[in-house]
Amino acid sequence: MKFLVDAQLPRALVRSLRELGYEAQHTWSLDFGNRTPDAAIASIADREAAIVISKDLDFMNSHILSDSPKRLLLVSTGNISNRVLIRLFEQHIAAIITAFDESNLVEFNQAGLVIHES
């Protein structure tokens, strides 16, 4: 499983995902870094069969309207510390992976997961 983490999420999340055994990159590592346009992020993720992880509702709108990015994990935890965010990911990663067997649009909040219809 591959992930592409959007700009407003910490690079430490990438390190954590890698430690858990997943491929992950942050937009910071792309040619235009955190200034990479959403459409380019979605295109890269789709080409690499990666799941975009973002807080940006524009990705959800794009996914629903144009099926790009193909797979999206929308983070809607509200304002929490990076440490708490990473701990939540570590606690729920198995459920997140399983959720993508059912849907291409999964929402992650402090209470758990919302699996949207594909």
PDB file of N, CA and C in Angstrom:
ATOM      1  N   MET A   1       0.857  -1.163   0.000  1.00  0.00           N
ATOM      2  CA  MET A   1       0.000   0.000   0.000  1.00  0.00           C
ATOM      3  C   MET A   1       0.901   1.222   0.000  1.00  0.00           C
ATOM      4  N   LYS A   2       0.539   2.205  -0.842  1.00  0.00           N
ATOM      5  CA  LYS A   2       1.320   3.434  -0.986  1.00  0.00           C
ATOM      6  C   LYS A   2       0.459   4.627  -0.589  1.00  0.00           C
ATOM      7  N   PHE A   3       1.114   5.606   0.015  1.00  0.00           N
ATOM      8  CA  PHE A   3       0.427   6.825   0.430  1.00  0.00           C
ATOM      9  C   PHE A   3       1.188   8.047  -0.072  1.00  0.00           C
ATOM     10  N   LEU A   4       0.417   9.087  -0.409  1.00  0.00           N
ATOM     11  CA  LEU A   4       0.972  10.397  -0.734  1.00  0.00           C
ATOM     12  C   LEU A   4       0.325  11.393   0.233  1.00  0.00           C
ATOM     13  N   VAL A   5       1.139  11.937   1.136  1.00  0.00           N
ATOM     14  CA  VAL A   5       0.654  12.797   2.213  1.00  0.00           C
ATOM     15  C   VAL A   5       0.701  14.247   1.765  1.00  0.00           C
ATOM     16  N   ASP A   6      -0.424  14.937   1.903  1.00  0.00           N
ATOM     17  CA  ASP A   6      -0.562  16.318   1.460  1.00  0.00           C
ATOM     18  C   ASP A   6       0.146  17.297   2.405  1.00  0.00           C
ATOM     19  N   ALA A   7       0.309  18.512   1.917  1.00  0.00           N
ATOM     20  CA  ALA A   7       1.139  19.542   2.551  1.00  0.00           C
ATOM     21  C   ALA A   7       0.743  19.890   3.985  1.00  0.00           C
ATOM     22  N   GLN A   8      -0.540  19.927   4.299  1.00  0.00           N
ATOM     23  CA  GLN A   8      -0.930  20.401   5.619  1.00  0.00           C
ATOM     24  C   GLN A   8      -0.778  19.343   6.717  1.00  0.00           C
ATOM     25  N   LEU A   9      -0.328  18.173   6.342  1.00  0.00           N
ATOM     26  CA  LEU A   9      -0.072  17.108   7.310  1.00  0.00           C
ATOM     27  C   LEU A   9       1.433  16.979   7.533  1.00  0.00           C
ATOM     28  N   PRO A  10       1.835  16.540   8.710  1.00  0.00           N
ATOM     29  CA  PRO A  10       3.264  16.534   9.045  1.00  0.00           C
ATOM     30  C   PRO A  10       4.068  15.470   8.308  1.00  0.00           C
ATOM     31  N   ARG A  11       5.316  15.815   8.019  1.00  0.00           N
ATOM     32  CA  ARG A  11       6.228  14.844   7.401  1.00  0.00           C
ATOM     33  C   ARG A  11       6.474  13.663   8.339  1.00  0.00           C
ATOM     34  N   ALA A  12       6.305  13.878   9.632  1.00  0.00           N
ATOM     35  CA  ALA A  12       6.466  12.789  10.597  1.00  0.00           C
ATOM     36  C   ALA A  12       5.458  11.673  10.344  1.00  0.00           C
ATOM     37  N   LEU A  13       4.332  11.989   9.734  1.00  0.00           N
ATOM     38  CA  LEU A  13       3.354  10.954   9.391  1.00  0.00           C
ATOM     39  C   LEU A  13       3.945  10.002   8.351  1.00  0.00           C
ATOM     40  N   VAL A  14       4.702  10.531   7.415  1.00  0.00           N
ATOM     41  CA  VAL A  14       5.367   9.695   6.413  1.00  0.00           C
ATOM     42  C   VAL A  14       6.340   8.742   7.090  1.00  0.00           C
ATOM     43  N   ARG A  15       7.134   9.269   8.005  1.00  0.00           N
ATOM     44  CA  ARG A  15       8.080   8.410   8.736  1.00  0.00           C
ATOM     45  C   ARG A  15       7.350   7.300   9.484  1.00  0.00           C
ATOM     46  N   SER A  16       6.255   7.649  10.122  1.00  0.00           N
ATOM     47  CA  SER A  16       5.480   6.662  10.865  1.00  0.00           C
ATOM     48  C   SER A  16       4.909   5.589   9.943  1.00  0.00           C
ATOM     49  N   LEU A  17       4.355   6.001   8.810  1.00  0.00           N
ATOM     50  CA  LEU A  17       3.798   5.039   7.855  1.00  0.00           C
ATOM     51  C   LEU A  17       4.891   4.107   7.331  1.00  0.00           C
ATOM     52  N   ARG A  18       6.060   4.654   7.067  1.00  0.00           N
ATOM     53  CA  ARG A  18       7.181   3.824   6.612  1.00  0.00           C
ATOM     54  C   ARG A  18       7.596   2.828   7.691  1.00  0.00           C
ATOM     55  N   GLU A  19       7.639   3.283   8.947  1.00  0.00           N
ATOM     56  CA  GLU A  19       7.990   2.384  10.052  1.00  0.00           C
ATOM     57  C   GLU A  19       6.973   1.262  10.206  1.00  0.00           C
ATOM     58  N   LEU A  20       5.725   1.536   9.807  1.00  0.00           N
ATOM     59  CA  LEU A  20       4.674   0.519   9.858  1.00  0.00           C
ATOM     60  C   LEU A  20       4.722  -0.417   8.646  1.00  0.00           C
ATOM     61  N   GLY A  21       5.635  -0.142   7.712  1.00  0.00           N
ATOM     62  CA  GLY A  21       5.837  -1.024   6.577  1.00  0.00           C
ATOM     63  C   GLY A  21       5.187  -0.598   5.277  1.00  0.00           C
ATOM     64  N   TYR A  22       4.722   0.645   5.204  1.00  0.00           N
ATOM     65  CA  TYR A  22       4.050   1.127   3.995  1.00  0.00           C
ATOM     66  C   TYR A  22       4.955   2.087   3.227  1.00  0.00           C
ATOM     67  N   GLU A  23       4.724   2.171   1.935  1.00  0.00           N
ATOM     68  CA  GLU A  23       5.412   3.176   1.124  1.00  0.00           C
ATOM     69  C   GLU A  23       4.682   4.489   1.322  1.00  0.00           C
ATOM     70  N   ALA A  24       5.429   5.547   1.544  1.00  0.00           N
ATOM     71  CA  ALA A  24       4.805   6.851   1.757  1.00  0.00           C
ATOM     72  C   ALA A  24       5.766   7.950   1.330  1.00  0.00           C
ATOM     73  N   GLN A  25       5.180   9.010   0.794  1.00  0.00           N
ATOM     74  CA  GLN A  25       5.948  10.209   0.485  1.00  0.00           C
ATOM     75  C   GLN A  25       5.100  11.422   0.818  1.00  0.00           C
ATOM     76  N   HIS A  26       5.767  12.514   1.072  1.00  0.00           N
ATOM     77  CA  HIS A  26       5.102  13.775   1.396  1.00  0.00           C
ATOM     78  C   HIS A  26       5.199  14.674   0.177  1.00  0.00           C
ATOM     79  N   THR A  27       4.256  15.573   0.030  1.00  0.00           N
ATOM     80  CA  THR A  27       4.324  16.510  -1.093  1.00  0.00           C
ATOM     81  C   THR A  27       5.627  17.302  -1.075  1.00  0.00           C
ATOM     82  N   TRP A  28       6.221  17.432   0.094  1.00  0.00           N
ATOM     83  CA  TRP A  28       7.498  18.149   0.212  1.00  0.00           C
ATOM     84  C   TRP A  28       8.558  17.549  -0.719  1.00  0.00           C
ATOM     85  N   SER A  29       8.452  16.237  -0.979  1.00  0.00           N
ATOM     86  CA  SER A  29       9.458  15.563  -1.805  1.00  0.00           C
ATOM     87  C   SER A  29       9.182  15.693  -3.305  1.00  0.00           C
ATOM     88  N   LEU A  30       8.063  16.276  -3.687  1.00  0.00           N
ATOM     89  CA  LEU A  30       7.728  16.444  -5.103  1.00  0.00           C
ATOM     90  C   LEU A  30       8.497  17.637  -5.682  1.00  0.00           C
ATOM     91  N   ASP A  31       8.534  17.740  -7.002  1.00  0.00           N
ATOM     92  CA  ASP A  31       9.294  18.796  -7.665  1.00  0.00           C
ATOM     93  C   ASP A  31       8.935  20.199  -7.182  1.00  0.00           C
ATOM     94  N   PHE A  32       7.650  20.456  -6.958  1.00  0.00           N
ATOM     95  CA  PHE A  32       7.215  21.771  -6.508  1.00  0.00           C
ATOM     96  C   PHE A  32       6.925  21.792  -5.006  1.00  0.00           C
ATOM     97  N   GLY A  33       7.315  20.736  -4.324  1.00  0.00           N
ATOM     98  CA  GLY A  33       7.153  20.676  -2.877  1.00  0.00           C
ATOM     99  C   GLY A  33       5.719  20.889  -2.449  1.00  0.00           C
ATOM    100  N   ASN A  34       5.555  21.638  -1.378  1.00  0.00           N
ATOM    101  CA  ASN A  34       4.215  21.883  -0.847  1.00  0.00           C
ATOM    102  C   ASN A  34       3.404  22.862  -1.694  1.00  0.00           C
ATOM    103  N   ARG A  35       4.008  23.375  -2.751  1.00  0.00           N
ATOM    104  CA  ARG A  35       3.280  24.243  -3.689  1.00  0.00           C
ATOM    105  C   ARG A  35       2.734  23.453  -4.879  1.00  0.00           C
ATOM    106  N   THR A  36       2.861  22.136  -4.836  1.00  0.00           N
ATOM    107  CA  THR A  36       2.357  21.293  -5.919  1.00  0.00           C
ATOM    108  C   THR A  36       0.835  21.427  -5.982  1.00  0.00           C
ATOM    109  N   PRO A  37       0.287  21.743  -7.157  1.00  0.00           N
ATOM    110  CA  PRO A  37      -1.167  21.886  -7.281  1.00  0.00           C
ATOM    111  C   PRO A  37      -1.888  20.564  -6.981  1.00  0.00           C
ATOM    112  N   ASP A  38      -3.096  20.695  -6.470  1.00  0.00           N
ATOM    113  CA  ASP A  38      -3.893  19.512  -6.123  1.00  0.00           C
ATOM    114  C   ASP A  38      -4.047  18.549  -7.304  1.00  0.00           C
ATOM    115  N   ALA A  39      -4.285  19.095  -8.491  1.00  0.00           N
ATOM    116  CA  ALA A  39      -4.467  18.237  -9.671  1.00  0.00           C
ATOM    117  C   ALA A  39      -3.211  17.417  -9.943  1.00  0.00           C
ATOM    118  N   ALA A  40      -2.051  18.012  -9.739  1.00  0.00           N
ATOM    119  CA  ALA A  40      -0.796  17.286  -9.950  1.00  0.00           C
ATOM    120  C   ALA A  40      -0.615  16.212  -8.879  1.00  0.00           C
ATOM    121  N   ILE A  41      -0.964  16.525  -7.641  1.00  0.00           N
ATOM    122  CA  ILE A  41      -0.886  15.540  -6.560  1.00  0.00           C
ATOM    123  C   ILE A  41      -1.789  14.354  -6.878  1.00  0.00           C
ATOM    124  N   ALA A  42      -3.008  14.632  -7.287  1.00  0.00           N
ATOM    125  CA  ALA A  42      -3.951  13.564  -7.627  1.00  0.00           C
ATOM    126  C   ALA A  42      -3.428  12.728  -8.793  1.00  0.00           C
ATOM    127  N   SER A  43      -2.872  13.376  -9.795  1.00  0.00           N
ATOM    128  CA  SER A  43      -2.341  12.672 -10.963  1.00  0.00           C
ATOM    129  C   SER A  43      -1.180  11.757 -10.577  1.00  0.00           C
ATOM    130  N   ILE A  44      -0.274  12.269  -9.755  1.00  0.00           N
ATOM    131  CA  ILE A  44       0.856  11.457  -9.303  1.00  0.00           C
ATOM    132  C   ILE A  44       0.362  10.261  -8.504  1.00  0.00           C
ATOM    133  N   ALA A  45      -0.560  10.501  -7.582  1.00  0.00           N
ATOM    134  CA  ALA A  45      -1.098   9.414  -6.765  1.00  0.00           C
ATOM    135  C   ALA A  45      -1.785   8.365  -7.637  1.00  0.00           C
ATOM    136  N   ASP A  46      -2.576   8.808  -8.589  1.00  0.00           N
ATOM    137  CA  ASP A  46      -3.277   7.866  -9.467  1.00  0.00           C
ATOM    138  C   ASP A  46      -2.292   7.055 -10.293  1.00  0.00           C
ATOM    139  N   ARG A  47      -1.279   7.712 -10.831  1.00  0.00           N
ATOM    140  CA  ARG A  47      -0.273   7.035 -11.641  1.00  0.00           C
ATOM    141  C   ARG A  47       0.501   5.998 -10.813  1.00  0.00           C
ATOM    142  N   GLU A  48       0.756   6.311  -9.552  1.00  0.00           N
ATOM    143  CA  GLU A  48       1.541   5.432  -8.685  1.00  0.00           C
ATOM    144  C   GLU A  48       0.664   4.504  -7.827  1.00  0.00           C
ATOM    145  N   ALA A  49      -0.649   4.518  -8.081  1.00  0.00           N
ATOM    146  CA  ALA A  49      -1.606   3.707  -7.313  1.00  0.00           C
ATOM    147  C   ALA A  49      -1.479   3.970  -5.812  1.00  0.00           C
ATOM    148  N   ALA A  50      -1.329   5.245  -5.474  1.00  0.00           N
ATOM    149  CA  ALA A  50      -1.198   5.649  -4.076  1.00  0.00           C
ATOM    150  C   ALA A  50      -2.504   6.267  -3.574  1.00  0.00           C
ATOM    151  N   ILE A  51      -2.676   6.231  -2.278  1.00  0.00           N
ATOM    152  CA  ILE A  51      -3.811   6.867  -1.614  1.00  0.00           C
ATOM    153  C   ILE A  51      -3.363   8.257  -1.176  1.00  0.00           C
ATOM    154  N   VAL A  52      -4.120   9.278  -1.561  1.00  0.00           N
ATOM    155  CA  VAL A  52      -3.844  10.621  -1.087  1.00  0.00           C
ATOM    156  C   VAL A  52      -4.390  10.734   0.332  1.00  0.00           C
ATOM    157  N   ILE A  53      -3.562  11.238   1.243  1.00  0.00           N
ATOM    158  CA  ILE A  53      -4.002  11.542   2.601  1.00  0.00           C
ATOM    159  C   ILE A  53      -4.013  13.056   2.732  1.00  0.00           C
ATOM    160  N   SER A  54      -5.179  13.629   3.006  1.00  0.00           N
ATOM    161  CA  SER A  54      -5.294  15.083   3.037  1.00  0.00           C
ATOM    162  C   SER A  54      -6.404  15.527   3.978  1.00  0.00           C
ATOM    163  N   LYS A  55      -6.299  16.776   4.420  1.00  0.00           N
ATOM    164  CA  LYS A  55      -7.371  17.441   5.159  1.00  0.00           C
ATOM    165  C   LYS A  55      -8.198  18.325   4.216  1.00  0.00           C
ATOM    166  N   ASP A  56      -7.738  18.483   3.005  1.00  0.00           N
ATOM    167  CA  ASP A  56      -8.283  19.433   2.042  1.00  0.00           C
ATOM    168  C   ASP A  56      -9.575  18.895   1.408  1.00  0.00           C
ATOM    169  N   LEU A  57     -10.691  19.555   1.686  1.00  0.00           N
ATOM    170  CA  LEU A  57     -11.977  19.130   1.125  1.00  0.00           C
ATOM    171  C   LEU A  57     -12.024  19.229  -0.389  1.00  0.00           C
ATOM    172  N   ASP A  58     -11.136  20.036  -0.989  1.00  0.00           N
ATOM    173  CA  ASP A  58     -11.083  20.110  -2.449  1.00  0.00           C
ATOM    174  C   ASP A  58     -10.780  18.738  -3.049  1.00  0.00           C
ATOM    175  N   PHE A  59      -9.965  17.935  -2.362  1.00  0.00           N
ATOM    176  CA  PHE A  59      -9.685  16.589  -2.859  1.00  0.00           C
ATOM    177  C   PHE A  59     -10.940  15.730  -2.829  1.00  0.00           C
ATOM    178  N   MET A  60     -11.753  15.885  -1.796  1.00  0.00           N
ATOM    179  CA  MET A  60     -12.994  15.110  -1.717  1.00  0.00           C
ATOM    180  C   MET A  60     -13.926  15.504  -2.867  1.00  0.00           C
ATOM    181  N   ASN A  61     -14.056  16.804  -3.103  1.00  0.00           N
ATOM    182  CA  ASN A  61     -14.899  17.270  -4.207  1.00  0.00           C
ATOM    183  C   ASN A  61     -14.395  16.726  -5.537  1.00  0.00           C
ATOM    184  N   SER A  62     -13.093  16.783  -5.749  1.00  0.00           N
ATOM    185  CA  SER A  62     -12.508  16.280  -6.990  1.00  0.00           C
ATOM    186  C   SER A  62     -12.711  14.775  -7.123  1.00  0.00           C
ATOM    187  N   HIS A  63     -12.558  14.057  -6.028  1.00  0.00           N
ATOM    188  CA  HIS A  63     -12.768  12.605  -6.063  1.00  0.00           C
ATOM    189  C   HIS A  63     -14.208  12.284  -6.464  1.00  0.00           C
ATOM    190  N   ILE A  64     -15.157  12.977  -5.865  1.00  0.00           N
ATOM    191  CA  ILE A  64     -16.573  12.719  -6.138  1.00  0.00           C
ATOM    192  C   ILE A  64     -16.943  13.135  -7.559  1.00  0.00           C
ATOM    193  N   LEU A  65     -16.464  14.289  -7.996  1.00  0.00           N
ATOM    194  CA  LEU A  65     -16.868  14.824  -9.298  1.00  0.00           C
ATOM    195  C   LEU A  65     -16.106  14.228 -10.473  1.00  0.00           C
ATOM    196  N   SER A  66     -14.806  13.938 -10.283  1.00  0.00           N
ATOM    197  CA  SER A  66     -14.016  13.487 -11.432  1.00  0.00           C
ATOM    198  C   SER A  66     -13.201  12.220 -11.158  1.00  0.00           C
ATOM    199  N   ASP A  67     -13.460  11.581 -10.018  1.00  0.00           N
ATOM    200  CA  ASP A  67     -12.780  10.336  -9.662  1.00  0.00           C
ATOM    201  C   ASP A  67     -11.263  10.495  -9.635  1.00  0.00           C
ATOM    202  N   SER A  68     -10.811  11.688  -9.208  1.00  0.00           N
ATOM    203  CA  SER A  68      -9.384  11.934  -9.081  1.00  0.00           C
ATOM    204  C   SER A  68      -9.144  12.804  -7.861  1.00  0.00           C
ATOM    205  N   PRO A  69      -8.407  12.362  -6.913  1.00  0.00           N
ATOM    206  CA  PRO A  69      -7.640  11.126  -6.909  1.00  0.00           C
ATOM    207  C   PRO A  69      -8.557   9.907  -6.802  1.00  0.00           C
ATOM    208  N   LYS A  70      -8.080   8.807  -7.333  1.00  0.00           N
ATOM    209  CA  LYS A  70      -8.880   7.576  -7.324  1.00  0.00           C
ATOM    210  C   LYS A  70      -9.152   7.099  -5.911  1.00  0.00           C
ATOM    211  N   ARG A  71      -8.145   7.238  -5.019  1.00  0.00           N
ATOM    212  CA  ARG A  71      -8.312   6.805  -3.626  1.00  0.00           C
ATOM    213  C   ARG A  71      -7.891   7.945  -2.698  1.00  0.00           C
ATOM    214  N   LEU A  72      -8.748   8.208  -1.712  1.00  0.00           N
ATOM    215  CA  LEU A  72      -8.545   9.350  -0.827  1.00  0.00           C
ATOM    216  C   LEU A  72      -8.858   8.977   0.610  1.00  0.00           C
ATOM    217  N   LEU A  73      -7.928   9.328   1.491  1.00  0.00           N
ATOM    218  CA  LEU A  73      -8.162   9.253   2.931  1.00  0.00           C
ATOM    219  C   LEU A  73      -8.261  10.692   3.419  1.00  0.00           C
ATOM    220  N   LEU A  74      -9.482  11.123   3.721  1.00  0.00           N
ATOM    221  CA  LEU A  74      -9.729  12.479   4.175  1.00  0.00           C
ATOM    222  C   LEU A  74      -9.597  12.515   5.691  1.00  0.00           C
ATOM    223  N   VAL A  75      -8.674  13.328   6.185  1.00  0.00           N
ATOM    224  CA  VAL A  75      -8.430  13.460   7.613  1.00  0.00           C
ATOM    225  C   VAL A  75      -9.290  14.606   8.139  1.00  0.00           C
ATOM    226  N   SER A  76     -10.239  14.272   9.012  1.00  0.00           N
ATOM    227  CA  SER A  76     -11.134  15.292   9.574  1.00  0.00           C
ATOM    228  C   SER A  76     -11.118  15.213  11.094  1.00  0.00           C
ATOM    229  N   THR A  77      -9.918  15.227  11.634  1.00  0.00           N
ATOM    230  CA  THR A  77      -9.726  15.115  13.084  1.00  0.00           C
ATOM    231  C   THR A  77      -9.853  16.442  13.796  1.00  0.00           C
ATOM    232  N   GLY A  78      -9.938  17.524  13.056  1.00  0.00           N
ATOM    233  CA  GLY A  78      -9.900  18.844  13.677  1.00  0.00           C
ATOM    234  C   GLY A  78      -8.470  19.183  14.062  1.00  0.00           C
ATOM    235  N   ASN A  79      -8.321  20.215  14.842  1.00  0.00           N
ATOM    236  CA  ASN A  79      -6.988  20.653  15.246  1.00  0.00           C
ATOM    237  C   ASN A  79      -6.496  19.809  16.421  1.00  0.00           C
ATOM    238  N   ILE A  80      -5.546  18.948  16.130  1.00  0.00           N
ATOM    239  CA  ILE A  80      -4.914  18.136  17.156  1.00  0.00           C
ATOM    240  C   ILE A  80      -3.408  18.191  16.934  1.00  0.00           C
ATOM    241  N   SER A  81      -2.661  17.830  17.939  1.00  0.00           N
ATOM    242  CA  SER A  81      -1.204  17.868  17.794  1.00  0.00           C
ATOM    243  C   SER A  81      -0.751  16.781  16.815  1.00  0.00           C
ATOM    244  N   ASN A  82       0.425  16.983  16.239  1.00  0.00           N
ATOM    245  CA  ASN A  82       0.992  15.982  15.334  1.00  0.00           C
ATOM    246  C   ASN A  82       1.188  14.655  16.053  1.00  0.00           C
ATOM    247  N   ARG A  83       1.600  14.713  17.295  1.00  0.00           N
ATOM    248  CA  ARG A  83       1.825  13.501  18.080  1.00  0.00           C
ATOM    249  C   ARG A  83       0.530  12.698  18.212  1.00  0.00           C
ATOM    250  N   VAL A  84      -0.567  13.380  18.519  1.00  0.00           N
ATOM    251  CA  VAL A  84      -1.861  12.706  18.653  1.00  0.00           C
ATOM    252  C   VAL A  84      -2.319  12.160  17.302  1.00  0.00           C
ATOM    253  N   LEU A  85      -2.133  12.936  16.246  1.00  0.00           N
ATOM    254  CA  LEU A  85      -2.506  12.486  14.901  1.00  0.00           C
ATOM    255  C   LEU A  85      -1.774  11.202  14.535  1.00  0.00           C
ATOM    256  N   ILE A  86      -0.483  11.179  14.751  1.00  0.00           N
ATOM    257  CA  ILE A  86       0.310   9.999  14.410  1.00  0.00           C
ATOM    258  C   ILE A  86      -0.106   8.808  15.266  1.00  0.00           C
ATOM    259  N   ARG A  87      -0.364   9.035  16.540  1.00  0.00           N
ATOM    260  CA  ARG A  87      -0.830   7.949  17.405  1.00  0.00           C
ATOM    261  C   ARG A  87      -2.162   7.390  16.894  1.00  0.00           C
ATOM    262  N   LEU A  88      -3.070   8.265  16.461  1.00  0.00           N
ATOM    263  CA  LEU A  88      -4.347   7.795  15.903  1.00  0.00           C
ATOM    264  C   LEU A  88      -4.118   6.944  14.658  1.00  0.00           C
ATOM    265  N   PHE A  89      -3.218   7.382  13.789  1.00  0.00           N
ATOM    266  CA  PHE A  89      -2.907   6.592  12.592  1.00  0.00           C
ATOM    267  C   PHE A  89      -2.365   5.227  12.987  1.00  0.00           C
ATOM    268  N   GLU A  90      -1.432   5.207  13.915  1.00  0.00           N
ATOM    269  CA  GLU A  90      -0.836   3.940  14.333  1.00  0.00           C
ATOM    270  C   GLU A  90      -1.881   3.007  14.923  1.00  0.00           C
ATOM    271  N   GLN A  91      -2.844   3.547  15.668  1.00  0.00           N
ATOM    272  CA  GLN A  91      -3.888   2.731  16.278  1.00  0.00           C
ATOM    273  C   GLN A  91      -4.884   2.194  15.251  1.00  0.00           C
ATOM    274  N   HIS A  92      -5.096   2.944  14.178  1.00  0.00           N
ATOM    275  CA  HIS A  92      -6.167   2.605  13.231  1.00  0.00           C
ATOM    276  C   HIS A  92      -5.673   2.144  11.860  1.00  0.00           C
ATOM    277  N   ILE A  93      -4.374   1.978  11.681  1.00  0.00           N
ATOM    278  CA  ILE A  93      -3.855   1.679  10.339  1.00  0.00           C
ATOM    279  C   ILE A  93      -4.441   0.393   9.764  1.00  0.00           C
ATOM    280  N   ALA A  94      -4.618  -0.630  10.573  1.00  0.00           N
ATOM    281  CA  ALA A  94      -5.185  -1.883  10.050  1.00  0.00           C
ATOM    282  C   ALA A  94      -6.605  -1.659   9.534  1.00  0.00           C
ATOM    283  N   ALA A  95      -7.392  -0.898  10.264  1.00  0.00           N
ATOM    284  CA  ALA A  95      -8.761  -0.606   9.831  1.00  0.00           C
ATOM    285  C   ALA A  95      -8.767   0.279   8.586  1.00  0.00           C
ATOM    286  N   ILE A  96      -7.814   1.200   8.499  1.00  0.00           N
ATOM    287  CA  ILE A  96      -7.713   2.060   7.318  1.00  0.00           C
ATOM    288  C   ILE A  96      -7.430   1.212   6.085  1.00  0.00           C
ATOM    289  N   ILE A  97      -6.471   0.311   6.190  1.00  0.00           N
ATOM    290  CA  ILE A  97      -6.114  -0.556   5.064  1.00  0.00           C
ATOM    291  C   ILE A  97      -7.319  -1.399   4.650  1.00  0.00           C
ATOM    292  N   THR A  98      -7.991  -1.986   5.611  1.00  0.00           N
ATOM    293  CA  THR A  98      -9.173  -2.819   5.330  1.00  0.00           C
ATOM    294  C   THR A  98     -10.283  -1.989   4.678  1.00  0.00           C
ATOM    295  N   ALA A  99     -10.451  -0.750   5.119  1.00  0.00           N
ATOM    296  CA  ALA A  99     -11.507   0.108   4.578  1.00  0.00           C
ATOM    297  C   ALA A  99     -11.339   0.332   3.084  1.00  0.00           C
ATOM    298  N   PHE A 100     -10.086   0.378   2.614  1.00  0.00           N
ATOM    299  CA  PHE A 100      -9.864   0.594   1.188  1.00  0.00           C
ATOM    300  C   PHE A 100     -10.148  -0.653   0.359  1.00  0.00           C
ATOM    301  N   ASP A 101     -10.425  -1.780   0.992  1.00  0.00           N
ATOM    302  CA  ASP A 101     -10.945  -2.940   0.270  1.00  0.00           C
ATOM    303  C   ASP A 101     -12.419  -2.744  -0.070  1.00  0.00           C
ATOM    304  N   GLU A 102     -13.088  -1.878   0.690  1.00  0.00           N
ATOM    305  CA  GLU A 102     -14.525  -1.632   0.512  1.00  0.00           C
ATOM    306  C   GLU A 102     -14.833  -0.376  -0.278  1.00  0.00           C
ATOM    307  N   SER A 103     -13.969   0.625  -0.188  1.00  0.00           N
ATOM    308  CA  SER A 103     -14.273   1.918  -0.777  1.00  0.00           C
ATOM    309  C   SER A 103     -12.982   2.633  -1.173  1.00  0.00           C
ATOM    310  N   ASN A 104     -13.122   3.580  -2.079  1.00  0.00           N
ATOM    311  CA  ASN A 104     -11.991   4.412  -2.481  1.00  0.00           C
ATOM    312  C   ASN A 104     -11.989   5.769  -1.784  1.00  0.00           C
ATOM    313  N   LEU A 105     -12.997   5.985  -0.923  1.00  0.00           N
ATOM    314  CA  LEU A 105     -13.099   7.237  -0.174  1.00  0.00           C
ATOM    315  C   LEU A 105     -13.369   6.908   1.285  1.00  0.00           C
ATOM    316  N   VAL A 106     -12.374   7.168   2.107  1.00  0.00           N
ATOM    317  CA  VAL A 106     -12.468   6.881   3.534  1.00  0.00           C
ATOM    318  C   VAL A 106     -12.160   8.162   4.284  1.00  0.00           C
ATOM    319  N   GLU A 107     -12.958   8.430   5.300  1.00  0.00           N
ATOM    320  CA  GLU A 107     -12.752   9.600   6.146  1.00  0.00           C
ATOM    321  C   GLU A 107     -12.270   9.131   7.512  1.00  0.00           C
ATOM    322  N   PHE A 108     -11.274   9.805   8.031  1.00  0.00           N
ATOM    323  CA  PHE A 108     -10.645   9.434   9.297  1.00  0.00           C
ATOM    324  C   PHE A 108     -10.820  10.581  10.281  1.00  0.00           C
ATOM    325  N   ASN A 109     -11.485  10.289  11.406  1.00  0.00           N
ATOM    326  CA  ASN A 109     -11.659  11.315  12.430  1.00  0.00           C
ATOM    327  C   ASN A 109     -11.274  10.738  13.785  1.00  0.00           C
ATOM    328  N   GLN A 110     -11.415  11.508  14.831  1.00  0.00           N
ATOM    329  CA  GLN A 110     -10.969  11.052  16.142  1.00  0.00           C
ATOM    330  C   GLN A 110     -11.779   9.869  16.665  1.00  0.00           C
ATOM    331  N   ALA A 111     -12.986   9.698  16.168  1.00  0.00           N
ATOM    332  CA  ALA A 111     -13.820   8.577  16.602  1.00  0.00           C
ATOM    333  C   ALA A 111     -13.554   7.309  15.808  1.00  0.00           C
ATOM    334  N   GLY A 112     -12.899   7.425  14.671  1.00  0.00           N
ATOM    335  CA  GLY A 112     -12.616   6.255  13.848  1.00  0.00           C
ATOM    336  C   GLY A 112     -12.762   6.569  12.369  1.00  0.00           C
ATOM    337  N   LEU A 113     -13.364   5.638  11.632  1.00  0.00           N
ATOM    338  CA  LEU A 113     -13.451   5.757  10.176  1.00  0.00           C
ATOM    339  C   LEU A 113     -14.891   5.880   9.712  1.00  0.00           C
ATOM    340  N   VAL A 114     -15.059   6.620   8.628  1.00  0.00           N
ATOM    341  CA  VAL A 114     -16.316   6.668   7.898  1.00  0.00           C
ATOM    342  C   VAL A 114     -15.989   6.156   6.504  1.00  0.00           C
ATOM    343  N   ILE A 115     -16.622   5.060   6.119  1.00  0.00           N
ATOM    344  CA  ILE A 115     -16.379   4.482   4.795  1.00  0.00           C
ATOM    345  C   ILE A 115     -17.497   4.951   3.880  1.00  0.00           C
ATOM    346  N   HIS A 116     -17.149   5.773   2.916  1.00  0.00           N
ATOM    347  CA  HIS A 116     -18.139   6.323   1.990  1.00  0.00           C
ATOM    348  C   HIS A 116     -18.390   5.340   0.861  1.00  0.00           C
ATOM    349  N   GLU A 117     -19.579   5.375   0.297  1.00  0.00           N
ATOM    350  CA  GLU A 117     -19.917   4.509  -0.814  1.00  0.00           C
ATOM    351  C   GLU A 117     -19.036   4.851  -2.010  1.00  0.00           C
ATOM    352  N   SER A 118     -18.602   3.820  -2.705  1.00  0.00           N
ATOM    353  CA  SER A 118     -17.785   4.039  -3.914  1.00  0.00           C
ATOM    354  C   SER A 118     -18.645   4.294  -5.109  1.00  0.00           C
TER     355      SER A 118
END
